[in-house]
Amino acid sequence: MDEKLKDITDLKDKELALRDEKLNRLKKQMADALKGNSWERQQQLEELTKELARLQEECDTLRMKLKSFKSKGSCSNCSKLSLKNEELQKDNKEKEKLVKDLKGLLTKFESQLKQQEQLMLLGSCPNCSDSNGKLERLFIECKDKDKTIKDLKILVTKFEKQLNQQDALLKNLGESKGHKVNYKP
C-alpha cells in the first residue's frame, strides 16, 4: 500500500512538474509577445507623433492665410462670387415664379377635367343620346389634357430639381472658396 501511495505521489509530482514547466513556457511566450506589441505600439506612436506635427504645421499655415485674408477685407474672388450669387438668386426667383405658374395651370386643368368627367356621367342618360358625339370629343380633349398635365408635372419636377441643384451649387461654391454666402432661396 505504501508503494501504491508512493507511486501515486510520484505520478502527481511528475504531472505537477510538467504543468509548471508548461506554465513557465507560456508565461515566457506571453512576455515575449507583449514586448513585441510594446515595440509595435512605440513605432505607431512615433508615426502618429510625426503625423500630428505635420498637421499642426498645416493648420498654422492655414491660420496665417486666413488672417491675411481677413486683414485685406476680401479676396479677388469676392466680387465675382457676389455677382454670381446675385445672378443665381435672380435666376432662382424667375424659375420659382415659373414653377408657381405651372402649378396654377395644373390646378386649372385638373378642375376642368373633373367638370368634364361630371358632364360625361350626365350624358349617359337615354334622353341625351344626341350629345354622345360631343361627349366623345370632350373625352378625347380630356385625354389630351391629361397628357398635357402629365407633361407639365414632369416639367415642374425638372424645374424643382434644377432649383435644388442650383441651391446646392451656390452653397458649395461659396463654401469651397471659404466665404459665407447669405443665400436664402
Protein backbone atom coordinates (compact mmCIF):
# COMPACT_ATOMS: atom_id res chain seq x y z
CA MET A 1 0.00 0.00 0.00
CA ASP A 2 2.90 2.32 0.74
CA GLU A 3 4.25 1.55 -2.70
CA LYS A 4 0.97 2.48 -4.33
CA LEU A 5 0.84 5.65 -2.36
CA LYS A 6 4.43 6.41 -3.29
CA ASP A 7 3.70 5.68 -6.98
CA ILE A 8 0.65 7.92 -6.94
CA THR A 9 2.60 10.68 -5.19
CA ASP A 10 5.44 10.36 -7.70
CA LEU A 11 2.99 10.47 -10.59
CA LYS A 12 1.32 13.52 -9.09
CA ASP A 13 4.71 15.20 -8.61
CA LYS A 14 5.69 14.49 -12.23
CA GLU A 15 2.40 15.88 -13.51
CA LEU A 16 2.80 18.99 -11.36
CA ALA A 17 6.37 19.48 -12.61
CA LEU A 18 5.19 19.05 -16.21
CA ARG A 19 2.36 21.51 -15.64
CA ASP A 20 4.73 24.03 -14.02
CA GLU A 21 7.11 23.69 -16.96
CA LYS A 22 4.26 24.33 -19.44
CA LEU A 23 3.07 27.35 -17.44
CA ASN A 24 6.55 28.82 -17.36
CA ARG A 25 6.89 28.35 -21.14
CA LEU A 26 3.51 30.04 -21.69
CA LYS A 27 4.48 32.93 -19.40
CA LYS A 28 7.72 33.40 -21.32
CA GLN A 29 5.86 33.38 -24.68
CA MET A 30 3.35 35.92 -23.37
CA ALA A 31 6.13 38.17 -22.10
CA ASP A 32 7.88 37.99 -25.49
CA ALA A 33 4.63 38.77 -27.29
CA LEU A 34 3.95 41.74 -25.02
CA LYS A 35 7.45 43.05 -25.63
CA GLY A 36 6.80 42.80 -29.40
CA ASN A 37 3.45 44.59 -29.03
CA SER A 38 5.10 47.26 -26.94
CA TRP A 39 7.70 47.87 -29.65
CA GLU A 40 4.97 47.98 -32.33
CA ARG A 41 2.96 50.41 -30.22
CA GLN A 42 6.04 52.59 -29.79
CA GLN A 43 6.50 52.63 -33.59
CA GLN A 44 2.84 53.56 -34.07
CA LEU A 45 3.14 56.34 -31.50
CA GLU A 46 6.19 57.74 -33.28
CA GLU A 47 4.38 57.70 -36.64
CA LEU A 48 1.32 59.35 -35.13
CA THR A 49 3.51 62.00 -33.48
CA LYS A 50 5.09 62.80 -36.84
CA GLU A 51 1.66 62.99 -38.49
CA LEU A 52 0.40 65.25 -35.71
CA ALA A 53 3.36 67.59 -36.17
CA ARG A 54 2.72 67.76 -39.93
CA LEU A 55 -0.96 68.50 -39.41
CA GLN A 56 -0.11 71.16 -36.84
CA GLU A 57 2.18 72.88 -39.35
CA GLU A 58 -0.56 72.73 -41.96
CA CYS A 59 -3.08 74.24 -39.52
CA ASP A 60 -0.65 77.03 -38.66
CA THR A 61 -0.16 77.81 -42.35
CA LEU A 62 -3.90 77.89 -42.93
CA ARG A 63 -4.42 80.15 -39.91
CA MET A 64 -1.86 82.58 -41.28
CA LYS A 65 -3.57 82.60 -44.68
CA LEU A 66 -6.94 83.17 -43.04
CA LYS A 67 -5.56 86.10 -41.02
CA SER A 68 -4.09 87.63 -44.17
CA PHE A 69 -7.43 87.31 -45.99
CA LYS A 70 -9.26 88.86 -43.05
CA SER A 71 -6.83 91.73 -42.84
CA LYS A 72 -7.25 92.50 -46.57
CA GLY A 73 -11.02 92.57 -46.18
CA SER A 74 -11.81 90.40 -49.19
CA CYS A 75 -10.03 88.45 -51.85
CA SER A 76 -10.14 88.98 -55.60
CA ASN A 77 -12.84 86.37 -55.99
CA CYS A 78 -15.28 88.01 -53.56
CA SER A 79 -16.71 90.46 -56.10
CA LYS A 80 -17.01 87.69 -58.70
CA LEU A 81 -18.75 85.44 -56.23
CA SER A 82 -21.06 88.23 -55.16
CA LEU A 83 -22.11 88.88 -58.78
CA LYS A 84 -22.57 85.17 -59.41
CA ASN A 85 -24.66 84.95 -56.23
CA GLU A 86 -26.93 87.78 -57.40
CA GLU A 87 -27.33 86.17 -60.84
CA LEU A 88 -28.21 82.82 -59.33
CA GLN A 89 -30.70 84.37 -56.92
CA LYS A 90 -32.39 86.26 -59.76
CA ASP A 91 -32.49 83.13 -61.91
CA ASN A 92 -33.84 81.16 -58.96
CA LYS A 93 -36.67 83.67 -58.39
CA GLU A 94 -37.64 83.53 -62.06
CA LYS A 95 -37.74 79.75 -62.01
CA GLU A 96 -39.74 79.72 -58.79
CA LYS A 97 -42.30 82.03 -60.41
CA LEU A 98 -42.46 79.75 -63.45
CA VAL A 99 -42.98 76.69 -61.23
CA LYS A 100 -45.74 78.52 -59.34
CA ASP A 101 -47.45 79.49 -62.62
CA LEU A 102 -47.21 75.92 -63.91
CA LYS A 103 -48.69 74.56 -60.70
CA GLY A 104 -51.60 77.01 -61.03
CA LEU A 105 -52.12 75.88 -64.61
CA LEU A 106 -52.11 72.25 -63.49
CA THR A 107 -54.77 73.01 -60.90
CA LYS A 108 -56.97 74.64 -63.55
CA PHE A 109 -56.56 71.67 -65.89
CA GLU A 110 -57.45 69.24 -63.13
CA SER A 111 -60.64 71.14 -62.24
CA GLN A 112 -61.60 71.27 -65.93
CA LEU A 113 -61.10 67.54 -66.21
CA LYS A 114 -63.27 66.90 -63.18
CA GLN A 115 -66.04 69.08 -64.66
CA GLN A 116 -65.79 67.27 -67.98
CA GLU A 117 -65.99 63.90 -66.24
CA GLN A 118 -69.16 65.04 -64.48
CA LEU A 119 -70.61 66.13 -67.83
CA MET A 120 -69.77 62.76 -69.31
CA LEU A 121 -71.58 61.00 -66.47
CA LEU A 122 -74.64 63.16 -67.06
CA GLY A 123 -74.50 62.34 -70.77
CA SER A 124 -75.16 58.63 -70.14
CA CYS A 125 -78.86 59.34 -69.73
CA PRO A 126 -81.01 57.79 -72.58
CA ASN A 127 -82.59 61.22 -73.19
CA CYS A 128 -79.18 62.67 -74.07
CA SER A 129 -78.27 60.30 -76.92
CA ASP A 130 -77.80 63.22 -79.34
CA SER A 131 -74.93 64.57 -77.24
CA ASN A 132 -72.82 61.37 -77.48
CA GLY A 133 -70.71 62.91 -80.24
CA LYS A 134 -69.98 65.95 -78.12
CA LEU A 135 -69.08 63.73 -75.17
CA GLU A 136 -66.72 61.68 -77.31
CA ARG A 137 -64.94 64.88 -78.40
CA LEU A 138 -64.79 66.01 -74.78
CA PHE A 139 -63.39 62.63 -73.81
CA ILE A 140 -60.65 62.98 -76.44
CA GLU A 141 -59.92 66.51 -75.20
CA CYS A 142 -59.71 65.15 -71.66
CA LYS A 143 -57.13 62.59 -72.76
CA ASP A 144 -55.14 65.35 -74.46
CA LYS A 145 -55.32 67.49 -71.33
CA ASP A 146 -54.31 64.52 -69.20
CA LYS A 147 -51.21 64.15 -71.34
CA THR A 148 -50.54 67.89 -71.09
CA ILE A 149 -50.91 67.74 -67.30
CA LYS A 150 -48.54 64.81 -67.15
CA ASP A 151 -46.00 66.69 -69.29
CA LEU A 152 -46.38 69.79 -67.13
CA LYS A 153 -45.86 67.78 -63.96
CA ILE A 154 -42.67 66.37 -65.45
CA LEU A 155 -41.55 69.92 -66.25
CA VAL A 156 -42.38 71.10 -62.74
CA THR A 157 -40.35 68.21 -61.31
CA LYS A 158 -37.42 69.05 -63.57
CA PHE A 159 -37.53 72.72 -62.57
CA GLU A 160 -37.65 71.80 -58.90
CA LYS A 161 -34.62 69.53 -59.35
CA GLN A 162 -32.77 72.28 -61.18
CA LEU A 163 -33.58 74.74 -58.41
CA ASN A 164 -32.33 72.33 -55.78
CA GLN A 165 -29.16 71.67 -57.78
CA GLN A 166 -28.53 75.38 -58.19
CA ASP A 167 -29.06 75.91 -54.48
CA ALA A 168 -26.52 73.19 -53.71
CA LEU A 169 -24.05 74.52 -56.29
CA LEU A 170 -24.33 78.02 -54.93
CA LYS A 171 -23.76 76.86 -51.40
CA ASN A 172 -20.84 74.61 -52.40
CA LEU A 173 -19.27 77.34 -54.49
CA GLY A 174 -19.30 79.77 -51.62
CA GLU A 175 -18.09 77.23 -49.10
CA SER A 176 -15.32 75.94 -51.38
CA LYS A 177 -13.92 79.46 -51.60
CA GLY A 178 -14.13 79.87 -47.84
CA HIS A 179 -16.84 82.52 -48.00
CA LYS A 180 -20.05 82.70 -46.14
CA VAL A 181 -22.83 83.18 -48.68
CA ASN A 182 -26.00 84.85 -47.41
CA TYR A 183 -28.30 82.96 -49.72
CA LYS A 184 -31.93 82.42 -48.86
CA PRO A 185 -33.95 80.60 -51.54
